[in-house]
């Protein structure tokens, strides 16, 4: 589902709506839709749905790096 054009378009529209309420430095510039779910109490989320930042950074390091290396 992450590669579906309709999904990407809908996410882009949501990002654009959110960005319209934010200052330029707060806006989302680039994003990627990951082809996996993040269940509560999994690697990425606590049971209370809070992000586990360190595991996310480690697990998705290549995807994060790709976002910053795009021209």
N, C-alpha and C. Protein backbone atom coordinates (compact mmCIF):
# COMPACT_ATOMS: atom_id res chain seq x y z
N UNK A 1 0.80 -1.18 0.00
CA UNK A 1 0.00 0.00 0.00
C UNK A 1 0.86 1.26 0.00
N UNK A 2 2.05 1.17 0.55
CA UNK A 2 2.93 2.34 0.64
C UNK A 2 3.37 2.85 -0.73
N UNK A 3 3.33 1.99 -1.74
CA UNK A 3 3.75 2.39 -3.08
C UNK A 3 2.58 2.84 -3.95
N UNK A 4 1.37 2.75 -3.45
CA UNK A 4 0.19 3.14 -4.23
C UNK A 4 0.18 4.65 -4.45
N UNK A 5 0.04 5.10 -5.70
CA UNK A 5 0.01 6.55 -5.98
C UNK A 5 -1.10 7.28 -5.22
N UNK A 6 -2.25 6.67 -5.06
CA UNK A 6 -3.35 7.33 -4.34
C UNK A 6 -2.99 7.57 -2.88
N UNK A 7 -2.28 6.62 -2.27
CA UNK A 7 -1.86 6.77 -0.87
C UNK A 7 -0.85 7.91 -0.76
N UNK A 8 0.12 7.92 -1.65
CA UNK A 8 1.14 8.98 -1.64
C UNK A 8 0.48 10.35 -1.83
N UNK A 9 -0.45 10.45 -2.77
CA UNK A 9 -1.14 11.72 -3.01
C UNK A 9 -1.91 12.18 -1.78
N UNK A 10 -2.57 11.26 -1.10
CA UNK A 10 -3.33 11.62 0.09
C UNK A 10 -2.41 12.09 1.22
N UNK A 11 -1.28 11.43 1.38
CA UNK A 11 -0.31 11.85 2.39
C UNK A 11 0.24 13.22 2.03
N UNK A 12 0.57 13.44 0.76
CA UNK A 12 1.06 14.74 0.32
C UNK A 12 0.04 15.84 0.60
N UNK A 13 -1.23 15.56 0.36
CA UNK A 13 -2.29 16.54 0.63
C UNK A 13 -2.36 16.85 2.12
N UNK A 14 -2.27 15.83 2.96
CA UNK A 14 -2.29 16.04 4.40
C UNK A 14 -1.09 16.85 4.88
N UNK A 15 0.07 16.56 4.33
CA UNK A 15 1.28 17.32 4.68
C UNK A 15 1.12 18.77 4.25
N UNK A 16 0.59 19.00 3.07
CA UNK A 16 0.38 20.37 2.59
C UNK A 16 -0.60 21.13 3.49
N UNK A 17 -1.67 20.45 3.92
CA UNK A 17 -2.63 21.09 4.83
C UNK A 17 -1.96 21.45 6.15
N UNK A 18 -1.19 20.53 6.70
CA UNK A 18 -0.50 20.79 7.96
C UNK A 18 0.54 21.90 7.80
N UNK A 19 1.28 21.87 6.70
CA UNK A 19 2.31 22.89 6.46
C UNK A 19 1.72 24.29 6.34
N UNK A 20 0.48 24.39 5.87
CA UNK A 20 -0.12 25.71 5.71
C UNK A 20 -0.34 26.41 7.05
N UNK A 21 -0.30 25.67 8.14
CA UNK A 21 -0.49 26.23 9.48
C UNK A 21 0.83 26.41 10.22
N UNK A 22 1.93 26.10 9.58
CA UNK A 22 3.23 26.13 10.24
C UNK A 22 4.14 27.18 9.60
N UNK A 23 5.10 27.67 10.39
CA UNK A 23 6.11 28.56 9.81
C UNK A 23 7.03 27.74 8.91
N UNK A 24 7.78 28.41 8.08
CA UNK A 24 8.62 27.72 7.10
C UNK A 24 9.61 26.75 7.75
N UNK A 25 10.19 27.13 8.87
CA UNK A 25 11.19 26.26 9.51
C UNK A 25 10.54 25.04 10.16
N UNK A 26 9.24 25.07 10.44
CA UNK A 26 8.56 23.96 11.07
C UNK A 26 7.97 22.98 10.06
N UNK A 27 7.92 23.36 8.80
CA UNK A 27 7.24 22.56 7.79
C UNK A 27 7.98 21.28 7.43
N UNK A 28 7.19 20.28 7.05
CA UNK A 28 7.73 19.02 6.55
C UNK A 28 8.19 19.26 5.12
N UNK A 29 9.44 18.99 4.84
CA UNK A 29 9.99 19.22 3.50
C UNK A 29 9.99 17.92 2.67
N UNK A 30 10.35 16.82 3.32
CA UNK A 30 10.44 15.52 2.65
C UNK A 30 9.89 14.45 3.56
N UNK A 31 9.33 13.42 2.98
CA UNK A 31 8.82 12.30 3.78
C UNK A 31 8.85 11.05 2.93
N UNK A 32 8.70 9.93 3.59
CA UNK A 32 8.56 8.65 2.91
C UNK A 32 7.51 7.83 3.64
N UNK A 33 6.76 7.04 2.91
CA UNK A 33 5.77 6.16 3.50
C UNK A 33 6.40 4.77 3.59
N UNK A 34 6.51 4.27 4.79
CA UNK A 34 7.16 2.98 5.00
C UNK A 34 6.18 1.84 4.71
N UNK A 35 6.67 0.74 4.16
CA UNK A 35 5.80 -0.38 3.81
C UNK A 35 5.55 -1.36 4.97
N UNK A 36 5.35 -0.82 6.17
CA UNK A 36 5.12 -1.67 7.33
C UNK A 36 4.25 -0.95 8.35
N UNK A 37 3.64 -1.73 9.23
CA UNK A 37 2.84 -1.18 10.32
C UNK A 37 3.70 -1.07 11.57
N UNK A 38 3.32 -0.17 12.45
CA UNK A 38 3.98 -0.02 13.74
C UNK A 38 2.96 -0.37 14.82
N UNK A 39 2.90 -1.62 15.26
CA UNK A 39 1.94 -2.00 16.30
C UNK A 39 2.37 -1.46 17.67
N UNK A 40 1.40 -1.17 18.54
CA UNK A 40 1.76 -0.75 19.91
C UNK A 40 2.62 -1.82 20.58
N UNK A 41 3.57 -1.36 21.36
CA UNK A 41 4.50 -2.24 22.08
C UNK A 41 5.45 -2.98 21.14
N UNK A 42 5.57 -2.51 19.90
CA UNK A 42 6.51 -3.09 18.95
C UNK A 42 7.86 -2.40 19.07
N UNK A 43 8.66 -2.49 18.01
CA UNK A 43 9.98 -1.88 18.02
C UNK A 43 9.92 -0.35 18.01
N UNK A 44 8.89 0.22 17.38
CA UNK A 44 8.83 1.65 17.17
C UNK A 44 7.95 2.42 18.15
N UNK A 45 6.97 1.75 18.77
CA UNK A 45 6.01 2.42 19.65
C UNK A 45 5.94 1.74 21.02
N UNK A 46 5.70 2.56 22.04
CA UNK A 46 5.45 2.01 23.37
C UNK A 46 3.99 1.53 23.43
N UNK A 47 3.59 0.83 24.48
CA UNK A 47 2.18 0.43 24.60
C UNK A 47 1.21 1.62 24.63
N UNK A 48 1.71 2.81 25.01
CA UNK A 48 0.87 4.00 25.04
C UNK A 48 1.01 4.84 23.78
N UNK A 49 1.55 4.23 22.71
CA UNK A 49 1.65 4.84 21.38
C UNK A 49 2.64 6.01 21.30
N UNK A 50 3.65 6.03 22.15
CA UNK A 50 4.70 7.04 22.08
C UNK A 50 5.84 6.48 21.23
N UNK A 51 6.50 7.38 20.48
CA UNK A 51 7.61 6.95 19.63
C UNK A 51 8.82 6.54 20.46
N UNK A 52 9.45 5.46 20.02
CA UNK A 52 10.74 5.04 20.58
C UNK A 52 11.80 5.57 19.61
N UNK A 53 12.29 6.76 19.88
CA UNK A 53 13.15 7.46 18.92
C UNK A 53 14.43 6.70 18.58
N UNK A 54 15.14 6.22 19.57
CA UNK A 54 16.43 5.54 19.31
C UNK A 54 16.24 4.31 18.41
N UNK A 55 15.30 3.40 18.71
CA UNK A 55 15.10 2.26 17.81
C UNK A 55 14.67 2.67 16.39
N UNK A 56 13.87 3.72 16.30
CA UNK A 56 13.45 4.19 14.97
C UNK A 56 14.66 4.68 14.19
N UNK A 57 15.49 5.49 14.84
CA UNK A 57 16.68 6.02 14.17
C UNK A 57 17.61 4.90 13.73
N UNK A 58 17.78 3.89 14.57
CA UNK A 58 18.66 2.77 14.23
C UNK A 58 18.07 1.90 13.12
N UNK A 59 16.79 1.58 13.24
CA UNK A 59 16.15 0.67 12.29
C UNK A 59 15.98 1.28 10.90
N UNK A 60 15.72 2.58 10.85
CA UNK A 60 15.43 3.23 9.57
C UNK A 60 16.53 4.22 9.17
N UNK A 61 17.74 3.97 9.60
CA UNK A 61 18.86 4.88 9.32
C UNK A 61 19.05 5.10 7.82
N UNK A 62 18.95 4.07 7.03
CA UNK A 62 19.18 4.23 5.58
C UNK A 62 18.08 5.07 4.94
N UNK A 63 16.82 4.88 5.36
CA UNK A 63 15.73 5.68 4.81
C UNK A 63 15.84 7.14 5.24
N UNK A 64 16.25 7.37 6.49
CA UNK A 64 16.42 8.74 6.98
C UNK A 64 17.56 9.42 6.22
N UNK A 65 18.64 8.70 6.04
CA UNK A 65 19.78 9.25 5.31
C UNK A 65 19.38 9.59 3.87
N UNK A 66 18.58 8.74 3.26
CA UNK A 66 18.13 8.99 1.87
C UNK A 66 17.31 10.28 1.78
N UNK A 67 16.53 10.57 2.80
CA UNK A 67 15.74 11.81 2.79
C UNK A 67 16.64 13.03 2.79
N UNK A 68 17.72 12.96 3.54
CA UNK A 68 18.62 14.12 3.63
C UNK A 68 19.63 14.20 2.49
N UNK A 69 19.82 13.12 1.76
CA UNK A 69 20.80 13.13 0.67
C UNK A 69 20.18 13.47 -0.68
N UNK A 70 18.85 13.54 -0.75
CA UNK A 70 18.19 13.91 -2.01
C UNK A 70 18.52 15.35 -2.39
N UNK A 71 18.60 15.60 -3.68
CA UNK A 71 18.88 16.97 -4.13
C UNK A 71 17.63 17.64 -4.64
